[in-house]
Amino acid sequence: MAFDEVVKKKMWYVEKFLPIECPKCRQAFKAEGVDYSLLFGDIVEGDKTVRETKGYNIIICSGCKNFTARFPLESWQVGDLQRAQELVQQGFVNLREVIGYGNHTQDHHVVYAQLPAVHVQGIVIE
C-alpha cells in the first residue's frame, strides 16, 4: 500500500501535564507556542544534540523565560472537536488540530503517569 493510499483524518489532541503553571511567574501553561515552548535540543561540547529525557521534557515559559521540567500525565486524540472541547473543560490543555493516519484515525487515550493521592488545583485567570 502506498503512503498516499493510507487513510487520514483530521483529529484533535489535548493533554495533561505537571506543572500546570510556571513555578516562577505563575503563568498558566495552556497552549504550546503561546504560553511555553518545548526545548528540543542542547549544545553539548559545541554540537547541537537532541535532549534525551526519560519521563519528562523541558519547557520554557514565554512570560519569564524560566526553564521547567514538564511531566506528562495523559493525552487524548479524538476525531470530534466537541469531545476535545469537553476534555478541555475537564482540565486538559493545548488543544490543537492534528492529522491522524492509519489506525491513528481512531480515538486514542494514553495515560503516561498516575500519581496516587495527588490533587492539583490551579487558579483560573480570565
N, C-alpha and C. Protein backbone atom coordinates (compact mmCIF):
# COMPACT_ATOMS: atom_id res chain seq x y z
N MET A 1 0.85 -1.18 0.00
CA MET A 1 0.00 0.00 0.00
C MET A 1 0.89 1.24 0.00
N ALA A 2 0.65 2.14 -0.91
CA ALA A 2 1.42 3.38 -1.00
C ALA A 2 0.97 4.35 0.09
N PHE A 3 1.88 5.25 0.47
CA PHE A 3 1.58 6.21 1.53
C PHE A 3 0.35 7.05 1.21
N ASP A 4 0.18 7.43 -0.06
CA ASP A 4 -0.98 8.27 -0.42
C ASP A 4 -2.30 7.50 -0.36
N GLU A 5 -2.25 6.16 -0.19
CA GLU A 5 -3.46 5.36 -0.06
C GLU A 5 -3.86 5.14 1.41
N VAL A 6 -3.01 5.52 2.34
CA VAL A 6 -3.28 5.34 3.77
C VAL A 6 -4.41 6.28 4.19
N VAL A 7 -5.35 5.77 4.98
CA VAL A 7 -6.46 6.57 5.46
C VAL A 7 -5.92 7.68 6.36
N LYS A 8 -6.42 8.90 6.17
CA LYS A 8 -6.05 10.00 7.05
C LYS A 8 -7.30 10.77 7.45
N LYS A 9 -7.22 11.41 8.62
CA LYS A 9 -8.39 12.08 9.17
C LYS A 9 -7.95 13.23 10.07
N LYS A 10 -8.70 14.32 10.04
CA LYS A 10 -8.44 15.43 10.95
C LYS A 10 -8.86 15.01 12.36
N MET A 11 -7.95 15.20 13.31
CA MET A 11 -8.18 14.81 14.70
C MET A 11 -7.86 16.02 15.59
N TRP A 12 -8.19 15.88 16.87
CA TRP A 12 -7.93 16.93 17.86
C TRP A 12 -7.16 16.31 19.02
N TYR A 13 -6.13 17.01 19.48
CA TYR A 13 -5.23 16.48 20.50
C TYR A 13 -5.25 17.41 21.72
N VAL A 14 -5.38 16.81 22.91
CA VAL A 14 -5.30 17.55 24.18
C VAL A 14 -4.44 16.74 25.14
N GLU A 15 -3.89 17.41 26.14
CA GLU A 15 -3.01 16.72 27.08
C GLU A 15 -3.11 17.32 28.47
N LYS A 16 -2.64 16.53 29.45
CA LYS A 16 -2.50 16.99 30.83
C LYS A 16 -1.05 16.72 31.24
N PHE A 17 -0.48 17.67 31.96
CA PHE A 17 0.88 17.51 32.45
C PHE A 17 1.06 18.36 33.69
N LEU A 18 2.14 18.09 34.40
CA LEU A 18 2.52 18.89 35.57
C LEU A 18 3.86 19.54 35.31
N PRO A 19 4.09 20.74 35.76
CA PRO A 19 3.17 21.62 36.46
C PRO A 19 2.20 22.29 35.48
N ILE A 20 1.10 22.78 36.00
CA ILE A 20 0.10 23.42 35.16
C ILE A 20 0.39 24.90 34.94
N GLU A 21 1.35 25.43 35.69
CA GLU A 21 1.73 26.84 35.54
C GLU A 21 3.22 26.98 35.83
N CYS A 22 3.78 28.10 35.40
CA CYS A 22 5.19 28.36 35.62
C CYS A 22 5.44 28.51 37.13
N PRO A 23 6.41 27.78 37.67
CA PRO A 23 6.67 27.90 39.11
C PRO A 23 7.27 29.25 39.50
N LYS A 24 7.78 30.00 38.52
CA LYS A 24 8.40 31.29 38.83
C LYS A 24 7.40 32.45 38.73
N CYS A 25 6.71 32.57 37.59
CA CYS A 25 5.83 33.73 37.38
C CYS A 25 4.34 33.39 37.44
N ARG A 26 4.01 32.12 37.57
CA ARG A 26 2.63 31.63 37.70
C ARG A 26 1.79 31.75 36.43
N GLN A 27 2.41 31.94 35.27
CA GLN A 27 1.65 31.95 34.02
C GLN A 27 1.15 30.53 33.75
N ALA A 28 -0.12 30.38 33.42
CA ALA A 28 -0.69 29.06 33.13
C ALA A 28 -0.11 28.51 31.83
N PHE A 29 0.21 27.22 31.82
CA PHE A 29 0.70 26.54 30.62
C PHE A 29 -0.49 25.92 29.91
N LYS A 30 -1.15 26.69 29.05
CA LYS A 30 -2.35 26.20 28.37
C LYS A 30 -2.14 25.92 26.90
N ALA A 31 -1.20 26.61 26.24
CA ALA A 31 -1.02 26.44 24.80
C ALA A 31 0.45 26.48 24.43
N GLU A 32 0.92 25.39 23.82
CA GLU A 32 2.30 25.34 23.35
C GLU A 32 2.51 26.39 22.26
N GLY A 33 3.62 27.08 22.31
CA GLY A 33 3.91 28.13 21.34
C GLY A 33 3.37 29.48 21.75
N VAL A 34 2.48 29.50 22.73
CA VAL A 34 1.92 30.75 23.24
C VAL A 34 2.39 30.97 24.67
N ASP A 35 2.09 30.03 25.55
CA ASP A 35 2.45 30.13 26.97
C ASP A 35 3.81 29.51 27.27
N TYR A 36 4.23 28.56 26.45
CA TYR A 36 5.51 27.88 26.67
C TYR A 36 6.00 27.29 25.35
N SER A 37 7.28 26.95 25.34
CA SER A 37 7.90 26.27 24.19
C SER A 37 8.64 25.05 24.68
N LEU A 38 8.64 24.00 23.88
CA LEU A 38 9.41 22.81 24.20
C LEU A 38 10.87 23.02 23.83
N LEU A 39 11.78 22.57 24.68
CA LEU A 39 13.20 22.63 24.39
C LEU A 39 13.58 21.31 23.75
N PHE A 40 13.89 21.33 22.45
CA PHE A 40 14.18 20.10 21.72
C PHE A 40 15.65 19.74 21.71
N GLY A 41 16.55 20.67 21.97
CA GLY A 41 17.96 20.36 21.84
C GLY A 41 18.81 21.07 22.86
N ASP A 42 20.06 20.71 22.85
CA ASP A 42 21.05 21.28 23.75
C ASP A 42 22.35 21.48 22.99
N ILE A 43 23.20 22.33 23.49
CA ILE A 43 24.54 22.45 22.95
C ILE A 43 25.46 21.69 23.90
N VAL A 44 26.03 20.60 23.40
CA VAL A 44 26.92 19.77 24.20
C VAL A 44 28.26 19.71 23.49
N GLU A 45 29.30 20.23 24.13
CA GLU A 45 30.64 20.27 23.55
C GLU A 45 30.62 20.87 22.15
N GLY A 46 29.89 21.96 21.98
CA GLY A 46 29.86 22.69 20.72
C GLY A 46 28.93 22.14 19.66
N ASP A 47 28.29 21.00 19.90
CA ASP A 47 27.37 20.41 18.93
C ASP A 47 25.95 20.43 19.47
N LYS A 48 25.00 20.76 18.57
CA LYS A 48 23.60 20.72 18.96
C LYS A 48 23.15 19.27 18.96
N THR A 49 22.57 18.82 20.07
CA THR A 49 22.10 17.45 20.18
C THR A 49 20.67 17.45 20.68
N VAL A 50 19.95 16.38 20.37
CA VAL A 50 18.58 16.24 20.88
C VAL A 50 18.68 15.90 22.36
N ARG A 51 17.89 16.57 23.16
CA ARG A 51 17.89 16.33 24.60
C ARG A 51 17.21 14.99 24.87
N GLU A 52 17.93 14.09 25.49
CA GLU A 52 17.38 12.79 25.84
C GLU A 52 16.89 12.83 27.28
N THR A 53 15.58 12.77 27.44
CA THR A 53 14.99 12.77 28.77
C THR A 53 14.05 11.58 28.87
N LYS A 54 13.91 11.04 30.05
CA LYS A 54 13.03 9.88 30.25
C LYS A 54 11.93 10.26 31.23
N GLY A 55 10.69 10.30 30.74
CA GLY A 55 9.56 10.59 31.61
C GLY A 55 9.26 12.06 31.79
N TYR A 56 10.04 12.93 31.19
CA TYR A 56 9.79 14.36 31.28
C TYR A 56 10.44 15.05 30.09
N ASN A 57 10.08 16.31 29.87
CA ASN A 57 10.78 17.15 28.92
C ASN A 57 10.92 18.53 29.51
N ILE A 58 11.67 19.38 28.86
CA ILE A 58 11.93 20.73 29.37
C ILE A 58 11.13 21.72 28.54
N ILE A 59 10.44 22.62 29.25
CA ILE A 59 9.71 23.69 28.57
C ILE A 59 10.24 25.04 29.06
N ILE A 60 10.04 26.05 28.23
CA ILE A 60 10.48 27.41 28.55
C ILE A 60 9.26 28.30 28.61
N CYS A 61 9.05 28.95 29.74
CA CYS A 61 7.91 29.85 29.91
C CYS A 61 8.08 31.06 28.98
N SER A 62 7.03 31.41 28.26
CA SER A 62 7.11 32.56 27.37
C SER A 62 7.04 33.88 28.13
N GLY A 63 6.55 33.82 29.38
CA GLY A 63 6.47 35.05 30.17
C GLY A 63 7.79 35.46 30.79
N CYS A 64 8.43 34.54 31.50
CA CYS A 64 9.66 34.90 32.24
C CYS A 64 10.89 34.16 31.76
N LYS A 65 10.74 33.28 30.74
CA LYS A 65 11.85 32.51 30.16
C LYS A 65 12.45 31.49 31.12
N ASN A 66 11.71 31.10 32.15
CA ASN A 66 12.16 30.09 33.10
C ASN A 66 12.12 28.71 32.46
N PHE A 67 13.13 27.88 32.72
CA PHE A 67 13.16 26.50 32.26
C PHE A 67 12.49 25.64 33.32
N THR A 68 11.58 24.74 32.90
CA THR A 68 10.81 23.91 33.82
C THR A 68 10.74 22.49 33.28
N ALA A 69 10.86 21.50 34.16
CA ALA A 69 10.64 20.11 33.77
C ALA A 69 9.13 19.87 33.70
N ARG A 70 8.68 19.32 32.58
CA ARG A 70 7.26 19.03 32.37
C ARG A 70 7.06 17.52 32.39
N PHE A 71 6.12 17.05 33.21
CA PHE A 71 5.85 15.63 33.36
C PHE A 71 4.48 15.31 32.75
N PRO A 72 4.44 14.60 31.62
CA PRO A 72 3.14 14.27 31.01
C PRO A 72 2.36 13.29 31.87
N LEU A 73 1.06 13.52 31.99
CA LEU A 73 0.17 12.64 32.74
C LEU A 73 -0.71 11.81 31.81
N GLU A 74 -1.42 12.48 30.90
CA GLU A 74 -2.26 11.75 29.95
C GLU A 74 -2.58 12.62 28.75
N SER A 75 -3.03 11.98 27.68
CA SER A 75 -3.41 12.71 26.47
C SER A 75 -4.56 11.99 25.78
N TRP A 76 -5.28 12.74 24.99
CA TRP A 76 -6.35 12.22 24.15
C TRP A 76 -6.14 12.72 22.73
N GLN A 77 -6.41 11.87 21.75
CA GLN A 77 -6.53 12.28 20.37
C GLN A 77 -7.90 11.81 19.91
N VAL A 78 -8.77 12.75 19.61
CA VAL A 78 -10.16 12.42 19.27
C VAL A 78 -10.54 13.01 17.92
N GLY A 79 -11.53 12.41 17.29
CA GLY A 79 -11.98 12.85 15.98
C GLY A 79 -13.09 13.88 16.01
N ASP A 80 -13.55 14.25 17.20
CA ASP A 80 -14.67 15.16 17.33
C ASP A 80 -14.25 16.40 18.11
N LEU A 81 -14.37 17.57 17.50
CA LEU A 81 -13.97 18.82 18.15
C LEU A 81 -14.77 19.05 19.43
N GLN A 82 -16.06 18.74 19.42
CA GLN A 82 -16.87 18.94 20.62
C GLN A 82 -16.35 18.09 21.78
N ARG A 83 -15.97 16.85 21.52
CA ARG A 83 -15.40 15.97 22.56
C ARG A 83 -14.08 16.56 23.07
N ALA A 84 -13.26 17.09 22.18
CA ALA A 84 -11.99 17.71 22.59
C ALA A 84 -12.26 18.92 23.48
N GLN A 85 -13.26 19.72 23.14
CA GLN A 85 -13.59 20.88 23.95
C GLN A 85 -14.14 20.47 25.32
N GLU A 86 -14.87 19.35 25.38
CA GLU A 86 -15.32 18.83 26.67
C GLU A 86 -14.12 18.42 27.53
N LEU A 87 -13.11 17.81 26.91
CA LEU A 87 -11.90 17.43 27.64
C LEU A 87 -11.16 18.66 28.18
N VAL A 88 -11.17 19.74 27.42
CA VAL A 88 -10.56 21.00 27.90
C VAL A 88 -11.32 21.48 29.14
N GLN A 89 -12.64 21.35 29.14
CA GLN A 89 -13.43 21.74 30.31
C GLN A 89 -13.11 20.87 31.53
N GLN A 90 -12.58 19.66 31.28
CA GLN A 90 -12.21 18.74 32.35
C GLN A 90 -10.76 18.91 32.79
N GLY A 91 -10.07 19.93 32.27
CA GLY A 91 -8.71 20.21 32.74
C GLY A 91 -7.60 19.92 31.76
N PHE A 92 -7.93 19.40 30.57
CA PHE A 92 -6.89 19.19 29.56
C PHE A 92 -6.54 20.51 28.91
N VAL A 93 -5.34 20.60 28.36
CA VAL A 93 -4.88 21.85 27.74
C VAL A 93 -4.26 21.55 26.38
N ASN A 94 -3.80 22.60 25.74
CA ASN A 94 -3.04 22.52 24.49
C ASN A 94 -3.85 21.89 23.37
N LEU A 95 -5.11 22.32 23.22
CA LEU A 95 -5.98 21.83 22.15
C LEU A 95 -5.39 22.23 20.81
N ARG A 96 -5.16 21.22 19.96
CA ARG A 96 -4.64 21.53 18.64
C ARG A 96 -5.13 20.50 17.63
N GLU A 97 -5.21 20.95 16.39
CA GLU A 97 -5.63 20.09 15.30
C GLU A 97 -4.42 19.30 14.79
N VAL A 98 -4.61 18.00 14.58
CA VAL A 98 -3.56 17.14 14.05
C VAL A 98 -4.17 16.27 12.95
N ILE A 99 -3.32 15.63 12.17
CA ILE A 99 -3.78 14.68 11.16
C ILE A 99 -3.39 13.29 11.62
N GLY A 100 -4.39 12.40 11.72
CA GLY A 100 -4.15 11.01 12.08
C GLY A 100 -4.08 10.16 10.83
N TYR A 101 -3.17 9.20 10.81
CA TYR A 101 -3.00 8.29 9.67
C TYR A 101 -3.21 6.85 10.12
N GLY A 102 -3.81 6.05 9.25
CA GLY A 102 -3.99 4.62 9.54
C GLY A 102 -4.83 4.39 10.78
N ASN A 103 -4.31 3.55 11.70
CA ASN A 103 -5.09 3.26 12.91
C ASN A 103 -5.05 4.41 13.90
N HIS A 104 -4.32 5.48 13.62
CA HIS A 104 -4.36 6.69 14.45
C HIS A 104 -5.53 7.60 14.06
N THR A 105 -6.42 7.11 13.21
CA THR A 105 -7.64 7.86 12.88
C THR A 105 -8.77 7.51 13.85
N GLN A 106 -8.49 6.63 14.80
CA GLN A 106 -9.44 6.29 15.85
C GLN A 106 -9.05 7.06 17.11
N ASP A 107 -10.03 7.25 18.00
CA ASP A 107 -9.74 7.95 19.25
C ASP A 107 -8.69 7.19 20.06
N HIS A 108 -7.74 7.94 20.62
CA HIS A 108 -6.67 7.36 21.44
C HIS A 108 -6.64 8.04 22.79
N HIS A 109 -6.51 7.26 23.84
CA HIS A 109 -6.31 7.79 25.19
C HIS A 109 -5.05 7.15 25.73
N VAL A 110 -4.09 7.98 26.15
CA VAL A 110 -2.82 7.47 26.67
C VAL A 110 -2.63 8.01 28.09
N VAL A 111 -2.36 7.12 29.03
CA VAL A 111 -2.04 7.50 30.40
C VAL A 111 -0.54 7.27 30.57
N TYR A 112 0.21 8.36 30.77
CA TYR A 112 1.66 8.27 30.92
C TYR A 112 2.04 8.01 32.37
N ALA A 113 1.34 8.64 33.30
CA ALA A 113 1.67 8.51 34.71
C ALA A 113 0.43 8.78 35.54
N GLN A 114 0.30 8.05 36.63
CA GLN A 114 -0.76 8.30 37.58
C GLN A 114 -0.10 8.52 38.92
N LEU A 115 -0.42 9.62 39.53
CA LEU A 115 0.18 9.95 40.81
C LEU A 115 -0.86 9.73 41.91
N PRO A 116 -0.68 8.76 42.78
CA PRO A 116 -1.69 8.50 43.81
C PRO A 116 -1.79 9.63 44.81
N ALA A 117 -3.01 9.93 45.19
CA ALA A 117 -3.31 10.91 46.22
C ALA A 117 -2.79 12.31 45.90
N VAL A 118 -2.63 12.63 44.63
CA VAL A 118 -2.20 13.98 44.26
C VAL A 118 -3.39 14.69 43.64
N HIS A 119 -3.69 15.85 44.14
CA HIS A 119 -4.76 16.67 43.58
C HIS A 119 -4.16 18.03 43.22
N VAL A 120 -4.24 18.38 41.96
CA VAL A 120 -3.65 19.63 41.51
C VAL A 120 -4.75 20.66 41.35
N GLN A 121 -4.60 21.80 41.97
CA GLN A 121 -5.55 22.89 41.82
C GLN A 121 -4.82 24.06 41.20
N GLY A 122 -5.48 24.73 40.28
CA GLY A 122 -4.90 25.89 39.65
C GLY A 122 -5.84 27.08 39.77
N ILE A 123 -5.30 28.21 39.60
CA ILE A 123 -6.09 29.43 39.63
C ILE A 123 -6.45 29.79 38.20
N VAL A 124 -7.73 29.95 37.94
CA VAL A 124 -8.19 30.32 36.60
C VAL A 124 -8.24 31.84 36.53
N ILE A 125 -7.47 32.39 35.60
CA ILE A 125 -7.42 33.84 35.40
C ILE A 125 -8.11 34.14 34.09
N GLU A 126 -9.13 34.94 34.13
CA GLU A 126 -9.86 35.26 32.90
C GLU A 126 -9.74 36.72 32.58
